Amino acid sequence: MVEISEQIKDAIKGAILLEINGRKFFNHAADVTQHESGKKMFRFLAQEEVKHLKTFSDLFSQILGEKDWKKYISSFELEGEAPLVEKLKERMRREEGKGETEALSIGMQLEMDAINFFQKAAEETDDPVTEKIFREIAEEEKFHYDLLQSQHDSVTKSGFWLDSAEFQMDGKW
C-alpha cells in the first residue's frame, strides 16, 4: 500500500463526504420543489455530485494503490442522513411555503462552501494531480453556483437573469 499524507487523505475524504451530502440534499430539494424546471435542475446537480464522487473515488484508489478506499472513512459517515443534510432539510421545513427559494439559497451556500473547500484543498496539497482535480472541481462548483443563482433570480423575480438587469429603474427598456 502507498503511504499518503494525512493532509491529502483528509482533503479527499472531505471531498467525498461533501459530494455525498450534496447529492442527498439536491435529491431532497428535487422531491420538494413544485416547479418542473427546479426539479430538473436539482436532479442535474445531484447527478453532478455523483460524477464528482466517482472522480474522487478514482483519485483515492489511485493514490492509495487500492480500490477499497471506503475503509478510510467510517461507515457512519457514508450511510444514512448526514447531520448537515438533516439540518438543511429542517431549515427548508421552517420556511413553509418558500421551499423552492429556500432550497435554492441552501444549494447556493452548499456550492459556495464547496468552492472554498476545493480552492483551499488545491492550495494546500503537494500532489500536482490532486491539485489539478481540486481546481477543476472548484470551477464546476462555480458553474453550479451560477446555475442556482440564475434559478433563484428567476423564481424570486429579482429583475436579474444571468447577472444582467431585465429592466432599468429609469423606465427605459
Foldseek 3Di string as FASTA:
>chain_A
DADDDPLVLVLLVVLLLLLLQLLVLLCVLLVPDDDPVSNVLSNVRSVVSVVSNVVSQVVQCVRVVHNPSCVVPDVVSVDDHDPVSVVLVVVLVVVPPCNNLSSLVVLLVSLVVLLVSLCVSLVPDPDPVSNVSSNVVSVVSVVSNLVSVQVNCVVVVVQDHSNHGVADPVGDD
